Amino acid sequence: MVQIDPTLPLSVTVDFQSRHRAAFRLFTRGPGETDPWIFLKEGSGDTTVIATPLARGSIVKSEFIFFAGPDPFRAVMIFRQNGHLLEGGTRSVDAPGDDLFVADTAELA
């Protein structure tokens, strides 16, 4: 879980750490099971996206697609508010190099 202040915008940085050619998509969903997924950003390089303040219990979902390679795939998601790294705010997304797709979710508490 990533500890947030629900009154502040959330900054999420995608940091690719493997040599794969890759792309990502980020989504958020409110705390309710029936809340809709909202698209945030897609890209193919290191980037930072700012989300409006999110309620506790919301989820940030990341999806990565990548070309197969001999080495494991790795990206790091970094969550900040007001420029400060949040508790639980560094999450690595890892997969075998031939998986081609990996998704992860981070719950905001």
C-alpha atoms as a PDB file:
ATOM      1  CA  MET A   1       0.000   0.000   0.000  1.00  0.00           C
ATOM      2  CA  VAL A   2       1.063   3.543  -0.728  1.00  0.00           C
ATOM      3  CA  GLN A   3       0.282   5.995   2.086  1.00  0.00           C
ATOM      4  CA  ILE A   4      -1.235   9.184   0.618  1.00  0.00           C
ATOM      5  CA  ASP A   5      -2.739  12.480   1.681  1.00  0.00           C
ATOM      6  CA  PRO A   6      -6.111  12.464  -0.147  1.00  0.00           C
ATOM      7  CA  THR A   7      -6.103  16.271  -0.341  1.00  0.00           C
ATOM      8  CA  LEU A   8      -2.944  16.518  -2.488  1.00  0.00           C
ATOM      9  CA  PRO A   9      -2.266  15.703  -6.153  1.00  0.00           C
ATOM     10  CA  LEU A  10      -0.379  12.441  -6.678  1.00  0.00           C
ATOM     11  CA  SER A  11       2.746  12.248  -8.821  1.00  0.00           C
ATOM     12  CA  VAL A  12       3.594   8.854 -10.353  1.00  0.00           C
ATOM     13  CA  THR A  13       6.930   8.345 -12.108  1.00  0.00           C
ATOM     14  CA  VAL A  14       7.553   5.403 -14.439  1.00  0.00           C
ATOM     15  CA  ASP A  15      11.253   4.493 -14.514  1.00  0.00           C
ATOM     16  CA  PHE A  16      12.233   1.767 -16.997  1.00  0.00           C
ATOM     17  CA  GLN A  17      15.249  -0.130 -15.654  1.00  0.00           C
ATOM     18  CA  SER A  18      15.702  -2.947 -18.151  1.00  0.00           C
ATOM     19  CA  ARG A  19      16.914  -2.755 -21.739  1.00  0.00           C
ATOM     20  CA  HIS A  20      13.593  -3.825 -23.257  1.00  0.00           C
ATOM     21  CA  ARG A  21      11.754  -1.682 -25.762  1.00  0.00           C
ATOM     22  CA  ALA A  22       8.572  -1.142 -23.823  1.00  0.00           C
ATOM     23  CA  ALA A  23       5.427   0.918 -23.428  1.00  0.00           C
ATOM     24  CA  PHE A  24       3.095   1.536 -20.496  1.00  0.00           C
ATOM     25  CA  ARG A  25      -0.421   2.664 -19.638  1.00  0.00           C
ATOM     26  CA  LEU A  26      -1.594   4.011 -16.266  1.00  0.00           C
ATOM     27  CA  PHE A  27      -5.151   4.029 -14.923  1.00  0.00           C
ATOM     28  CA  THR A  28      -6.856   4.958 -11.643  1.00  0.00           C
ATOM     29  CA  ARG A  29     -10.026   3.712 -10.038  1.00  0.00           C
ATOM     30  CA  GLY A  30     -11.849   5.029  -6.998  1.00  0.00           C
ATOM     31  CA  PRO A  31     -12.266   2.947  -3.848  1.00  0.00           C
ATOM     32  CA  GLY A  32     -15.566   1.368  -4.912  1.00  0.00           C
ATOM     33  CA  GLU A  33     -15.534  -1.973  -6.738  1.00  0.00           C
ATOM     34  CA  THR A  34     -17.864  -0.532  -9.374  1.00  0.00           C
ATOM     35  CA  ASP A  35     -15.954   2.739  -9.820  1.00  0.00           C
ATOM     36  CA  PRO A  36     -14.811   3.109 -13.439  1.00  0.00           C
ATOM     37  CA  TRP A  37     -11.173   2.882 -14.498  1.00  0.00           C
ATOM     38  CA  ILE A  38      -9.912   6.299 -15.650  1.00  0.00           C
ATOM     39  CA  PHE A  39      -7.045   6.526 -18.135  1.00  0.00           C
ATOM     40  CA  LEU A  40      -4.110   8.651 -16.930  1.00  0.00           C
ATOM     41  CA  LYS A  41      -1.209   8.318 -19.351  1.00  0.00           C
ATOM     42  CA  GLU A  42       0.590   6.109 -21.831  1.00  0.00           C
ATOM     43  CA  GLY A  43       4.121   6.303 -23.110  1.00  0.00           C
ATOM     44  CA  SER A  44       7.275   4.498 -24.078  1.00  0.00           C
ATOM     45  CA  GLY A  45       9.896   6.180 -21.933  1.00  0.00           C
ATOM     46  CA  ASP A  46      10.564   7.356 -18.408  1.00  0.00           C
ATOM     47  CA  THR A  47       7.903   9.891 -17.483  1.00  0.00           C
ATOM     48  CA  THR A  48       5.947  11.435 -14.628  1.00  0.00           C
ATOM     49  CA  VAL A  49       2.195  11.938 -14.520  1.00  0.00           C
ATOM     50  CA  ILE A  50       0.249  14.035 -12.018  1.00  0.00           C
ATOM     51  CA  ALA A  51      -3.175  12.818 -10.894  1.00  0.00           C
ATOM     52  CA  THR A  52      -5.778  14.926  -9.139  1.00  0.00           C
ATOM     53  CA  PRO A  53      -6.208  14.163  -5.430  1.00  0.00           C
ATOM     54  CA  LEU A  54      -7.434  10.582  -5.007  1.00  0.00           C
ATOM     55  CA  ALA A  55      -9.434   9.068  -2.161  1.00  0.00           C
ATOM     56  CA  ARG A  56      -7.919   6.551   0.190  1.00  0.00           C
ATOM     57  CA  GLY A  57      -8.690   3.079  -1.101  1.00  0.00           C
ATOM     58  CA  SER A  58      -8.250   4.153  -4.735  1.00  0.00           C
ATOM     59  CA  ILE A  59      -6.075   2.037  -7.012  1.00  0.00           C
ATOM     60  CA  VAL A  60      -3.400   2.925  -9.558  1.00  0.00           C
ATOM     61  CA  LYS A  61      -2.991   0.248 -12.236  1.00  0.00           C
ATOM     62  CA  SER A  62       0.021  -0.044 -14.533  1.00  0.00           C
ATOM     63  CA  GLU A  63       0.273  -2.149 -17.685  1.00  0.00           C
ATOM     64  CA  PHE A  64       3.541  -2.742 -19.523  1.00  0.00           C
ATOM     65  CA  ILE A  65       4.076  -4.372 -22.898  1.00  0.00           C
ATOM     66  CA  PHE A  66       7.581  -5.123 -24.109  1.00  0.00           C
ATOM     67  CA  PHE A  67       9.587  -6.948 -26.749  1.00  0.00           C
ATOM     68  CA  ALA A  68      11.042 -10.264 -25.615  1.00  0.00           C
ATOM     69  CA  GLY A  69      14.628 -10.236 -24.414  1.00  0.00           C
ATOM     70  CA  PRO A  70      17.001 -12.571 -22.610  1.00  0.00           C
ATOM     71  CA  ASP A  71      17.049 -10.442 -19.456  1.00  0.00           C
ATOM     72  CA  PRO A  72      14.161  -9.937 -16.998  1.00  0.00           C
ATOM     73  CA  PHE A  73      11.901  -6.932 -17.523  1.00  0.00           C
ATOM     74  CA  ARG A  74      11.968  -4.313 -14.762  1.00  0.00           C
ATOM     75  CA  ALA A  75      10.323  -0.950 -14.238  1.00  0.00           C
ATOM     76  CA  VAL A  76       9.952   1.059 -11.043  1.00  0.00           C
ATOM     77  CA  MET A  77       6.898   3.107 -10.105  1.00  0.00           C
ATOM     78  CA  ILE A  78       7.634   6.030  -7.773  1.00  0.00           C
ATOM     79  CA  PHE A  79       4.771   7.746  -5.919  1.00  0.00           C
ATOM     80  CA  ARG A  80       5.234  11.284  -4.538  1.00  0.00           C
ATOM     81  CA  GLN A  81       3.192  14.146  -3.152  1.00  0.00           C
ATOM     82  CA  ASN A  82       4.618  17.684  -2.845  1.00  0.00           C
ATOM     83  CA  GLY A  83       7.913  16.256  -4.146  1.00  0.00           C
ATOM     84  CA  HIS A  84       8.246  13.832  -1.221  1.00  0.00           C
ATOM     85  CA  LEU A  85       8.507  10.079  -1.646  1.00  0.00           C
ATOM     86  CA  LEU A  86       5.510   8.443   0.012  1.00  0.00           C
ATOM     87  CA  GLU A  87       5.648   5.565   2.480  1.00  0.00           C
ATOM     88  CA  GLY A  88       5.378   2.433   0.341  1.00  0.00           C
ATOM     89  CA  GLY A  89       5.889   4.672  -2.685  1.00  0.00           C
ATOM     90  CA  THR A  90       8.564   2.703  -4.514  1.00  0.00           C
ATOM     91  CA  ARG A  91       7.203  -0.366  -6.293  1.00  0.00           C
ATOM     92  CA  SER A  92       9.086  -2.508  -8.766  1.00  0.00           C
ATOM     93  CA  VAL A  93       7.302  -4.253 -11.603  1.00  0.00           C
ATOM     94  CA  ASP A  94       9.245  -7.348 -12.666  1.00  0.00           C
ATOM     95  CA  ALA A  95       8.624 -10.100 -15.210  1.00  0.00           C
ATOM     96  CA  PRO A  96      10.582 -12.705 -17.142  1.00  0.00           C
ATOM     97  CA  GLY A  97      12.046 -11.199 -20.309  1.00  0.00           C
ATOM     98  CA  ASP A  98       9.835 -13.300 -22.561  1.00  0.00           C
ATOM     99  CA  ASP A  99       6.468 -12.594 -20.866  1.00  0.00           C
ATOM    100  CA  LEU A 100       5.742  -9.587 -23.143  1.00  0.00           C
ATOM    101  CA  PHE A 101       3.084  -8.146 -20.772  1.00  0.00           C
ATOM    102  CA  VAL A 102       2.879  -7.438 -17.058  1.00  0.00           C
ATOM    103  CA  ALA A 103       0.338  -5.504 -14.984  1.00  0.00           C
ATOM    104  CA  ASP A 104       0.435  -4.329 -11.389  1.00  0.00           C
ATOM    105  CA  THR A 105      -1.822  -2.419  -9.016  1.00  0.00           C
ATOM    106  CA  ALA A 106      -1.026  -0.157  -6.084  1.00  0.00           C
ATOM    107  CA  GLU A 107      -3.655   0.528  -3.450  1.00  0.00           C
ATOM    108  CA  LEU A 108      -3.627   4.025  -1.946  1.00  0.00           C
ATOM    109  CA  ALA A 109      -4.206   4.147   1.813  1.00  0.00           C
END
